Protein backbone atom coordinates (compact mmCIF):
# COMPACT_ATOMS: atom_id res chain seq x y z
CA MET A 1 -11.89 11.98 14.84
CA SER A 2 -8.92 10.39 16.53
CA ALA A 3 -5.51 11.01 16.13
CA ILE A 4 -4.67 7.48 14.88
CA LYS A 5 -7.61 7.87 11.87
CA GLN A 6 -6.84 11.39 11.20
CA HIS A 7 -3.17 9.99 10.49
CA ARG A 8 -4.44 6.72 8.89
CA ARG A 9 -6.44 9.04 6.58
CA ILE A 10 -3.92 11.12 5.85
CA LEU A 11 -0.90 9.22 4.70
CA GLY A 12 -3.95 7.45 2.16
CA ASP A 13 -4.23 10.42 0.79
CA ALA A 14 -1.12 10.95 0.48
CA ILE A 15 0.01 7.43 -1.19
CA ARG A 16 -3.41 8.43 -3.46
CA SER A 17 -1.88 11.51 -4.39
CA GLU A 18 2.09 10.23 -4.58
CA ARG A 19 0.40 7.07 -6.91
CA LYS A 20 -1.22 8.82 -9.73
CA LYS A 21 1.24 11.29 -9.54
CA ALA A 22 3.51 8.27 -10.60
CA GLY A 23 0.68 7.14 -12.93
CA LEU A 24 -0.06 4.36 -11.00
CA SER A 25 -3.16 2.26 -10.77
CA GLN A 26 -3.96 0.86 -7.29
CA GLU A 27 -3.70 -2.88 -9.35
CA LYS A 28 -0.22 -1.62 -10.37
CA LEU A 29 1.12 -0.54 -7.28
CA ALA A 30 0.07 -3.58 -5.43
CA GLU A 31 2.01 -5.58 -7.99
CA LYS A 32 5.07 -3.37 -7.85
CA ALA A 33 5.60 -3.83 -4.34
CA GLY A 34 4.47 -7.13 -4.13
CA LEU A 35 1.03 -6.65 -2.19
CA SER A 36 -2.18 -6.86 -2.21
CA THR A 37 -4.74 -4.28 -4.99
CA VAL A 38 -7.52 -4.79 -1.26
CA PHE A 39 -5.00 -4.08 1.05
CA ILE A 40 -3.76 -0.99 -1.39
CA SER A 41 -7.32 -0.17 -1.26
CA ARG A 42 -8.35 0.15 2.31
CA VAL A 43 -5.42 1.80 3.15
CA GLU A 44 -6.04 4.27 0.98
CA LEU A 45 -9.47 4.51 2.22
CA ALA A 46 -7.74 4.42 6.03
CA LYS A 47 -9.52 1.75 6.07
CA GLU A 48 -6.22 -0.19 7.40
CA SER A 49 -3.05 1.45 8.54
CA PRO A 50 0.39 -0.68 6.80
CA SER A 51 3.31 -1.93 8.70
CA VAL A 52 7.10 0.07 8.25
CA ASP A 53 8.11 -2.64 5.86
CA SER A 54 4.50 -2.13 3.73
CA LEU A 55 4.96 1.41 3.78
CA VAL A 56 8.57 1.20 2.40
CA LYS A 57 7.49 -0.92 -0.50
CA ILE A 58 4.65 1.00 -1.52
CA ALA A 59 7.46 3.82 -1.17
CA ARG A 60 9.90 2.41 -3.55
CA ALA A 61 7.60 1.21 -5.57
CA MET A 62 6.49 5.33 -6.34
CA ARG A 63 10.10 5.87 -6.24
CA VAL A 64 9.49 8.35 -3.30
CA ARG A 65 11.01 8.33 0.32
CA VAL A 66 8.78 6.84 3.01
CA CYS A 67 9.12 11.05 4.16
CA GLU A 68 6.91 12.74 1.58
CA LEU A 69 4.00 9.64 2.65
CA VAL A 70 4.19 11.39 6.52
CA LYS A 71 5.70 15.07 6.29
CA ASP A 72 1.76 16.04 6.87
CA PHE A 73 1.42 14.11 10.69
C-alpha cells in the first residue's frame, strides 16, 4: 500500500472513530459540516482525501481538533 493510501486509511478510520464517539451518523455529520453524505463515506473508506477546509469542517462538526484526526500519521 502506498504511503498516500495508508494516510487516507488512517484518516478515514480516525474520522469514523471520532464520529461514532460523538454519536453521529454519516448523514448528521455531513449536515453539521455542510458536506455531502457521499463525501463523508468516501473519506471514511479512504477513497477520497478531504481538503484542509473540509477537514476543518469535519473536525468542528465533531467538536474535535484537527490534530486529533491526524495524530497517527
